[in-house]
Amino acid sequence: MAINIEDNLPNIQQNGLNTLKAATFGSTVDVTGAATFASTVGFTGAITATGGLIGGVQTLAAAGAVNLTTLVTRVDSAGAIALTLADGTNGQIKVIVMGTDGGDATLTPTTKTGYSTITFNDAGDGVVLVFITTKGWIVAGNNGATLA
């Protein structure tokens, strides 16, 4: 059974703008059109998306920390830079790509398995990382980056 938010069910609090404040659902919720979430949304079970997954992008042009709050980090280096990556949340996915190559960018995650550093040497180099609590950041995919 699908639940339509517009039905004004008792477990939904809405304001005059039809903004969902808080809800707990025991069945399917269908969203038609755009939905924006300003906080963490938790799901149990499968998520089916007919369209694509679009994540936020962090752009780094200097040495520093790769964030844990966007899906993608784009590195536009103007010289050789050092990057760090803190431990994530179990199951978290992080995509890091080099957009502009002005010098190598070397990433050193806090906890990792199978490598010590990842170096992005050329524009287009990229990795897909997955964080596993007992293993740290694991490389799930690599396009041209150097693992050492």
N, C-alpha and C. Protein backbone atom coordinates (compact mmCIF):
# COMPACT_ATOMS: atom_id res chain seq x y z
N MET A 1 0.84 -1.18 0.00
CA MET A 1 0.00 0.00 0.00
C MET A 1 0.88 1.24 0.00
N ALA A 2 0.65 2.15 -0.89
CA ALA A 2 1.40 3.41 -0.95
C ALA A 2 0.73 4.43 -0.04
N ILE A 3 1.53 5.29 0.55
CA ILE A 3 1.01 6.37 1.39
C ILE A 3 1.24 7.68 0.65
N ASN A 4 0.20 8.43 0.47
CA ASN A 4 0.28 9.72 -0.17
C ASN A 4 0.40 10.77 0.92
N ILE A 5 1.49 11.54 0.90
CA ILE A 5 1.72 12.54 1.93
C ILE A 5 0.59 13.57 1.98
N GLU A 6 -0.03 13.83 0.85
CA GLU A 6 -1.11 14.81 0.79
C GLU A 6 -2.35 14.35 1.55
N ASP A 7 -2.44 13.06 1.92
CA ASP A 7 -3.61 12.55 2.62
C ASP A 7 -3.73 13.06 4.06
N ASN A 8 -2.70 13.77 4.54
CA ASN A 8 -2.71 14.35 5.87
C ASN A 8 -2.96 13.30 6.96
N LEU A 9 -2.17 12.21 6.90
CA LEU A 9 -2.29 11.14 7.89
C LEU A 9 -1.87 11.64 9.27
N PRO A 10 -2.38 11.02 10.33
CA PRO A 10 -2.09 11.49 11.69
C PRO A 10 -0.60 11.47 12.05
N ASN A 11 0.21 10.60 11.46
CA ASN A 11 1.62 10.54 11.84
C ASN A 11 2.49 11.50 11.03
N ILE A 12 1.86 12.41 10.31
CA ILE A 12 2.60 13.40 9.53
C ILE A 12 2.23 14.79 10.05
N GLN A 13 3.24 15.61 10.25
CA GLN A 13 3.00 17.00 10.64
C GLN A 13 3.37 17.87 9.44
N GLN A 14 2.44 18.64 8.96
CA GLN A 14 2.69 19.50 7.82
C GLN A 14 2.46 20.95 8.21
N ASN A 15 3.21 21.84 7.54
CA ASN A 15 2.89 23.25 7.70
C ASN A 15 2.16 23.71 6.44
N GLY A 16 1.89 24.98 6.32
CA GLY A 16 1.14 25.49 5.18
C GLY A 16 1.81 25.28 3.84
N LEU A 17 3.09 24.96 3.82
CA LEU A 17 3.81 24.77 2.57
C LEU A 17 3.90 23.30 2.19
N ASN A 18 3.16 22.43 2.89
CA ASN A 18 3.21 20.99 2.66
C ASN A 18 4.62 20.43 2.85
N THR A 19 5.33 20.95 3.81
CA THR A 19 6.66 20.46 4.14
C THR A 19 6.51 19.36 5.18
N LEU A 20 7.05 18.21 4.89
CA LEU A 20 6.99 17.08 5.81
C LEU A 20 7.96 17.34 6.96
N LYS A 21 7.45 17.41 8.18
CA LYS A 21 8.27 17.68 9.36
C LYS A 21 8.83 16.41 9.97
N ALA A 22 8.00 15.41 10.15
CA ALA A 22 8.43 14.15 10.75
C ALA A 22 7.43 13.08 10.38
N ALA A 23 7.92 11.89 10.10
CA ALA A 23 7.00 10.82 9.75
C ALA A 23 7.67 9.47 9.96
N THR A 24 6.86 8.50 10.32
CA THR A 24 7.30 7.12 10.39
C THR A 24 6.28 6.31 9.60
N PHE A 25 6.76 5.52 8.65
CA PHE A 25 5.87 4.77 7.79
C PHE A 25 6.17 3.28 7.93
N GLY A 26 5.13 2.48 7.91
CA GLY A 26 5.30 1.03 7.98
C GLY A 26 5.11 0.37 6.64
N SER A 27 4.89 1.15 5.60
CA SER A 27 4.67 0.57 4.27
C SER A 27 5.39 1.43 3.24
N THR A 28 4.93 1.40 2.02
CA THR A 28 5.58 2.09 0.91
C THR A 28 5.21 3.57 0.88
N VAL A 29 6.18 4.40 0.59
CA VAL A 29 5.95 5.83 0.38
C VAL A 29 6.38 6.14 -1.04
N ASP A 30 5.45 6.61 -1.86
CA ASP A 30 5.75 6.99 -3.24
C ASP A 30 5.89 8.51 -3.30
N VAL A 31 6.99 8.97 -3.89
CA VAL A 31 7.20 10.40 -4.08
C VAL A 31 7.21 10.66 -5.57
N THR A 32 6.32 11.50 -6.02
CA THR A 32 6.27 11.89 -7.42
C THR A 32 6.75 13.33 -7.51
N GLY A 33 7.70 13.58 -8.39
CA GLY A 33 8.26 14.92 -8.48
C GLY A 33 9.51 15.02 -7.62
N ALA A 34 9.97 16.21 -7.40
CA ALA A 34 11.21 16.44 -6.65
C ALA A 34 10.95 16.35 -5.15
N ALA A 35 11.91 15.79 -4.43
CA ALA A 35 11.85 15.75 -2.97
C ALA A 35 13.21 16.20 -2.45
N THR A 36 13.23 17.12 -1.52
CA THR A 36 14.47 17.61 -0.94
C THR A 36 14.48 17.29 0.54
N PHE A 37 15.57 16.71 1.01
CA PHE A 37 15.73 16.38 2.42
C PHE A 37 16.85 17.23 3.00
N ALA A 38 16.58 17.93 4.09
CA ALA A 38 17.55 18.82 4.69
C ALA A 38 18.35 18.16 5.81
N SER A 39 18.12 16.88 6.03
CA SER A 39 18.80 16.18 7.11
C SER A 39 18.99 14.73 6.67
N THR A 40 19.43 13.90 7.58
CA THR A 40 19.65 12.50 7.28
C THR A 40 18.33 11.76 7.13
N VAL A 41 18.24 10.92 6.12
CA VAL A 41 17.07 10.10 5.90
C VAL A 41 17.52 8.65 5.98
N GLY A 42 16.88 7.86 6.81
CA GLY A 42 17.25 6.46 6.97
C GLY A 42 16.27 5.55 6.26
N PHE A 43 16.78 4.50 5.64
CA PHE A 43 15.95 3.54 4.94
C PHE A 43 16.31 2.14 5.41
N THR A 44 15.32 1.30 5.56
CA THR A 44 15.53 -0.12 5.80
C THR A 44 14.87 -0.85 4.66
N GLY A 45 15.62 -1.69 3.98
CA GLY A 45 15.08 -2.36 2.81
C GLY A 45 15.64 -1.75 1.54
N ALA A 46 15.15 -2.20 0.42
CA ALA A 46 15.65 -1.76 -0.87
C ALA A 46 15.13 -0.38 -1.25
N ILE A 47 15.94 0.36 -1.98
CA ILE A 47 15.54 1.64 -2.55
C ILE A 47 15.54 1.46 -4.06
N THR A 48 14.43 1.75 -4.70
CA THR A 48 14.33 1.64 -6.14
C THR A 48 14.26 3.03 -6.73
N ALA A 49 15.19 3.33 -7.64
CA ALA A 49 15.20 4.63 -8.30
C ALA A 49 15.09 4.43 -9.80
N THR A 50 14.13 5.09 -10.40
CA THR A 50 13.97 5.00 -11.85
C THR A 50 14.97 5.93 -12.54
N GLY A 51 15.30 7.04 -11.92
CA GLY A 51 16.27 7.98 -12.47
C GLY A 51 17.66 7.71 -11.92
N GLY A 52 18.55 8.64 -12.06
CA GLY A 52 19.93 8.48 -11.59
C GLY A 52 20.11 8.96 -10.17
N LEU A 53 21.26 8.65 -9.61
CA LEU A 53 21.65 9.12 -8.29
C LEU A 53 22.59 10.30 -8.48
N ILE A 54 22.24 11.42 -7.93
CA ILE A 54 23.05 12.62 -8.08
C ILE A 54 23.50 13.05 -6.69
N GLY A 55 24.80 13.08 -6.48
CA GLY A 55 25.33 13.45 -5.18
C GLY A 55 26.00 14.82 -5.22
N GLY A 56 26.19 15.40 -4.06
CA GLY A 56 26.89 16.67 -3.96
C GLY A 56 28.36 16.51 -4.32
N VAL A 57 28.98 17.62 -4.74
CA VAL A 57 30.38 17.59 -5.15
C VAL A 57 31.18 18.61 -4.35
N GLN A 58 32.25 18.16 -3.74
CA GLN A 58 33.23 19.02 -3.09
C GLN A 58 34.34 19.26 -4.11
N THR A 59 34.83 20.48 -4.23
CA THR A 59 35.97 20.77 -5.09
C THR A 59 37.14 21.19 -4.23
N LEU A 60 38.27 20.50 -4.41
CA LEU A 60 39.49 20.83 -3.68
C LEU A 60 40.55 21.31 -4.67
N ALA A 61 41.13 22.47 -4.41
CA ALA A 61 42.18 23.01 -5.27
C ALA A 61 43.51 23.11 -4.53
N ALA A 62 43.51 22.76 -3.26
CA ALA A 62 44.72 22.84 -2.44
C ALA A 62 44.73 21.65 -1.48
N ALA A 63 45.86 21.48 -0.82
CA ALA A 63 45.98 20.39 0.15
C ALA A 63 44.89 20.52 1.21
N GLY A 64 44.42 19.37 1.72
CA GLY A 64 43.40 19.41 2.76
C GLY A 64 42.65 18.12 2.89
N ALA A 65 41.53 18.21 3.59
CA ALA A 65 40.73 17.03 3.89
C ALA A 65 39.62 16.83 2.86
N VAL A 66 39.52 15.60 2.37
CA VAL A 66 38.39 15.19 1.56
C VAL A 66 37.22 15.04 2.53
N ASN A 67 36.08 15.65 2.23
CA ASN A 67 34.98 15.61 3.19
C ASN A 67 34.22 14.29 3.15
N LEU A 68 33.43 14.08 4.17
CA LEU A 68 32.58 12.88 4.27
C LEU A 68 31.12 13.22 4.01
N THR A 69 30.84 14.46 3.65
CA THR A 69 29.45 14.92 3.55
C THR A 69 28.93 15.01 2.12
N THR A 70 29.80 14.85 1.13
CA THR A 70 29.35 14.80 -0.26
C THR A 70 29.73 13.44 -0.84
N LEU A 71 29.00 13.02 -1.86
CA LEU A 71 29.30 11.75 -2.50
C LEU A 71 30.60 11.83 -3.30
N VAL A 72 30.84 12.98 -3.94
CA VAL A 72 31.97 13.13 -4.86
C VAL A 72 32.89 14.25 -4.41
N THR A 73 34.20 14.02 -4.57
CA THR A 73 35.19 15.08 -4.41
C THR A 73 35.95 15.20 -5.71
N ARG A 74 35.98 16.41 -6.26
CA ARG A 74 36.74 16.71 -7.47
C ARG A 74 38.00 17.44 -7.04
N VAL A 75 39.16 16.96 -7.54
CA VAL A 75 40.45 17.55 -7.21
C VAL A 75 40.94 18.33 -8.43
N ASP A 76 41.13 19.63 -8.24
CA ASP A 76 41.69 20.50 -9.28
C ASP A 76 42.99 21.07 -8.73
N SER A 77 44.09 20.36 -8.95
CA SER A 77 45.35 20.75 -8.32
C SER A 77 46.08 21.80 -9.14
N ALA A 78 46.80 22.68 -8.43
CA ALA A 78 47.64 23.70 -9.06
C ALA A 78 49.10 23.38 -8.79
N GLY A 79 49.36 22.24 -8.23
CA GLY A 79 50.69 21.77 -7.86
C GLY A 79 50.52 20.49 -7.08
N ALA A 80 51.61 19.88 -6.68
CA ALA A 80 51.53 18.65 -5.89
C ALA A 80 50.85 18.97 -4.55
N ILE A 81 49.83 18.16 -4.20
CA ILE A 81 49.10 18.39 -2.95
C ILE A 81 48.88 17.08 -2.21
N ALA A 82 48.77 17.20 -0.88
CA ALA A 82 48.48 16.05 -0.01
C ALA A 82 47.04 16.16 0.47
N LEU A 83 46.32 15.05 0.39
CA LEU A 83 44.93 14.99 0.82
C LEU A 83 44.76 13.94 1.90
N THR A 84 43.83 14.16 2.80
CA THR A 84 43.53 13.18 3.84
C THR A 84 42.05 12.80 3.74
N LEU A 85 41.72 11.64 4.29
CA LEU A 85 40.34 11.17 4.33
C LEU A 85 40.12 10.47 5.66
N ALA A 86 39.25 11.04 6.49
CA ALA A 86 38.94 10.46 7.80
C ALA A 86 38.09 9.20 7.62
N ASP A 87 37.96 8.44 8.68
CA ASP A 87 37.10 7.26 8.64
C ASP A 87 35.66 7.68 8.38
N GLY A 88 34.97 6.86 7.60
CA GLY A 88 33.58 7.13 7.26
C GLY A 88 32.64 6.32 8.13
N THR A 89 31.44 6.11 7.62
CA THR A 89 30.41 5.31 8.26
C THR A 89 30.31 3.99 7.53
N ASN A 90 30.10 2.91 8.26
CA ASN A 90 30.04 1.58 7.66
C ASN A 90 29.11 1.57 6.43
N GLY A 91 29.66 1.18 5.27
CA GLY A 91 28.90 1.13 4.03
C GLY A 91 28.94 2.41 3.21
N GLN A 92 29.58 3.44 3.72
CA GLN A 92 29.64 4.72 3.01
C GLN A 92 30.44 4.59 1.72
N ILE A 93 29.98 5.26 0.68
CA ILE A 93 30.65 5.28 -0.62
C ILE A 93 31.20 6.68 -0.84
N LYS A 94 32.44 6.75 -1.33
CA LYS A 94 33.07 8.03 -1.65
C LYS A 94 33.72 7.92 -3.02
N VAL A 95 33.45 8.88 -3.90
CA VAL A 95 34.04 8.92 -5.23
C VAL A 95 34.98 10.12 -5.27
N ILE A 96 36.22 9.88 -5.72
CA ILE A 96 37.21 10.96 -5.82
C ILE A 96 37.78 10.95 -7.23
N VAL A 97 37.74 12.11 -7.89
CA VAL A 97 38.24 12.22 -9.26
C VAL A 97 39.13 13.44 -9.40
N MET A 98 40.11 13.35 -10.29
CA MET A 98 40.95 14.50 -10.60
C MET A 98 40.36 15.18 -11.83
N GLY A 99 39.95 16.43 -11.66
CA GLY A 99 39.38 17.19 -12.76
C GLY A 99 40.44 17.93 -13.54
N THR A 100 41.34 18.62 -12.83
CA THR A 100 42.41 19.39 -13.45
C THR A 100 43.74 18.94 -12.85
N ASP A 101 44.67 18.58 -13.72
CA ASP A 101 45.99 18.11 -13.28
C ASP A 101 47.01 19.23 -13.37
N GLY A 102 47.25 19.86 -12.22
CA GLY A 102 48.33 20.85 -12.13
C GLY A 102 49.49 20.29 -11.34
N GLY A 103 49.40 19.03 -10.95
CA GLY A 103 50.39 18.34 -10.13
C GLY A 103 49.71 17.18 -9.44
N ASP A 104 50.49 16.20 -9.02
CA ASP A 104 49.93 15.01 -8.39
C ASP A 104 49.21 15.35 -7.09
N ALA A 105 48.13 14.64 -6.83
CA ALA A 105 47.39 14.75 -5.56
C ALA A 105 47.47 13.38 -4.89
N THR A 106 48.05 13.34 -3.70
CA THR A 106 48.23 12.07 -2.98
C THR A 106 47.30 12.02 -1.79
N LEU A 107 46.45 10.99 -1.78
CA LEU A 107 45.45 10.80 -0.73
C LEU A 107 45.93 9.76 0.27
N THR A 108 45.83 10.09 1.55
CA THR A 108 46.16 9.14 2.62
C THR A 108 44.96 9.03 3.56
N PRO A 109 44.15 7.98 3.40
CA PRO A 109 43.03 7.78 4.34
C PRO A 109 43.54 7.37 5.73
N THR A 110 42.78 7.69 6.75
CA THR A 110 43.15 7.33 8.12
C THR A 110 43.24 5.81 8.26
N THR A 111 42.20 5.10 7.85
CA THR A 111 42.17 3.63 7.93
C THR A 111 41.87 3.10 6.54
N LYS A 112 42.67 2.14 6.09
CA LYS A 112 42.50 1.58 4.75
C LYS A 112 43.00 0.16 4.70
N THR A 113 42.61 -0.57 3.65
CA THR A 113 43.04 -1.94 3.45
C THR A 113 43.49 -2.11 2.00
N GLY A 114 44.69 -2.68 1.81
CA GLY A 114 45.18 -3.00 0.48
C GLY A 114 46.09 -1.96 -0.14
N TYR A 115 46.32 -0.85 0.52
CA TYR A 115 47.18 0.20 -0.01
C TYR A 115 47.51 1.17 1.12
N SER A 116 48.49 2.04 0.89
CA SER A 116 48.83 3.08 1.87
C SER A 116 48.38 4.45 1.40
N THR A 117 48.60 4.71 0.09
CA THR A 117 48.21 5.98 -0.50
C THR A 117 47.59 5.75 -1.88
N ILE A 118 46.85 6.74 -2.32
CA ILE A 118 46.30 6.76 -3.69
C ILE A 118 46.78 8.07 -4.31
N THR A 119 47.45 7.97 -5.45
CA THR A 119 47.93 9.17 -6.13
C THR A 119 47.16 9.37 -7.43
N PHE A 120 46.62 10.56 -7.57
CA PHE A 120 45.93 10.97 -8.79
C PHE A 120 46.95 11.73 -9.63
N ASN A 121 47.35 11.14 -10.75
CA ASN A 121 48.44 11.68 -11.57
C ASN A 121 47.95 12.53 -12.74
N ASP A 122 46.78 12.21 -13.26
CA ASP A 122 46.29 12.85 -14.48
C ASP A 122 44.81 13.18 -14.35
N ALA A 123 44.39 14.20 -15.11
CA ALA A 123 42.96 14.51 -15.18
C ALA A 123 42.22 13.26 -15.65
N GLY A 124 41.12 12.95 -14.99
CA GLY A 124 40.35 11.75 -15.31
C GLY A 124 40.63 10.58 -14.39
N ASP A 125 41.73 10.63 -13.64
CA ASP A 125 41.99 9.56 -12.66
C ASP A 125 40.89 9.62 -11.60
N GLY A 126 40.44 8.46 -11.16
CA GLY A 126 39.39 8.45 -10.15
C GLY A 126 39.28 7.11 -9.44
N VAL A 127 38.74 7.15 -8.24
CA VAL A 127 38.50 5.93 -7.47
C VAL A 127 37.11 5.97 -6.86
N VAL A 128 36.57 4.78 -6.63
CA VAL A 128 35.35 4.60 -5.85
C VAL A 128 35.78 3.84 -4.61
N LEU A 129 35.54 4.43 -3.45
CA LEU A 129 35.93 3.82 -2.17
C LEU A 129 34.68 3.44 -1.39
N VAL A 130 34.79 2.35 -0.63
CA VAL A 130 33.72 1.93 0.27
C VAL A 130 34.34 1.78 1.66
N PHE A 131 33.67 2.35 2.67
CA PHE A 131 34.18 2.23 4.04
C PHE A 131 33.52 1.05 4.74
N ILE A 132 34.34 0.16 5.27
CA ILE A 132 33.89 -0.97 6.08
C ILE A 132 34.55 -0.82 7.45
N THR A 133 33.74 -0.81 8.49
CA THR A 133 34.23 -0.51 9.84
C THR A 133 35.47 -1.30 10.21
N THR A 134 35.51 -2.59 9.91
CA THR A 134 36.64 -3.42 10.32
C THR A 134 37.82 -3.36 9.35
N LYS A 135 37.67 -2.71 8.20
CA LYS A 135 38.73 -2.67 7.18
C LYS A 135 39.15 -1.27 6.80
N GLY A 136 38.31 -0.28 7.02
CA GLY A 136 38.61 1.08 6.57
C GLY A 136 38.15 1.28 5.14
N TRP A 137 38.80 2.21 4.43
CA TRP A 137 38.45 2.53 3.05
C TRP A 137 39.04 1.47 2.12
N ILE A 138 38.17 0.83 1.35
CA ILE A 138 38.57 -0.20 0.39
C ILE A 138 38.31 0.35 -1.01
N VAL A 139 39.25 0.11 -1.93
CA VAL A 139 39.09 0.56 -3.31
C VAL A 139 38.15 -0.43 -4.02
N ALA A 140 36.98 0.05 -4.41
CA ALA A 140 36.01 -0.77 -5.13
C ALA A 140 36.15 -0.58 -6.64
N GLY A 141 36.73 0.53 -7.05
CA GLY A 141 36.94 0.81 -8.47
C GLY A 141 38.07 1.80 -8.64
N ASN A 142 38.84 1.68 -9.73
CA ASN A 142 39.98 2.55 -9.96
C ASN A 142 40.10 2.83 -11.45
N ASN A 143 40.22 4.09 -11.80
CA ASN A 143 40.46 4.48 -13.18
C ASN A 143 41.74 5.35 -13.24
N GLY A 144 42.89 4.68 -13.36
CA GLY A 144 44.15 5.39 -13.60
C GLY A 144 44.92 5.86 -12.39
N ALA A 145 44.32 5.87 -11.20
CA ALA A 145 45.03 6.30 -10.01
C ALA A 145 46.07 5.25 -9.61
N THR A 146 47.14 5.70 -8.95
CA THR A 146 48.21 4.80 -8.53
C THR A 146 48.04 4.43 -7.06
N LEU A 147 47.91 3.13 -6.79
CA LEU A 147 47.82 2.65 -5.41
C LEU A 147 49.20 2.22 -4.97
N ALA A 148 49.63 2.68 -3.81
CA ALA A 148 50.95 2.30 -3.29
C ALA A 148 50.81 1.88 -1.83
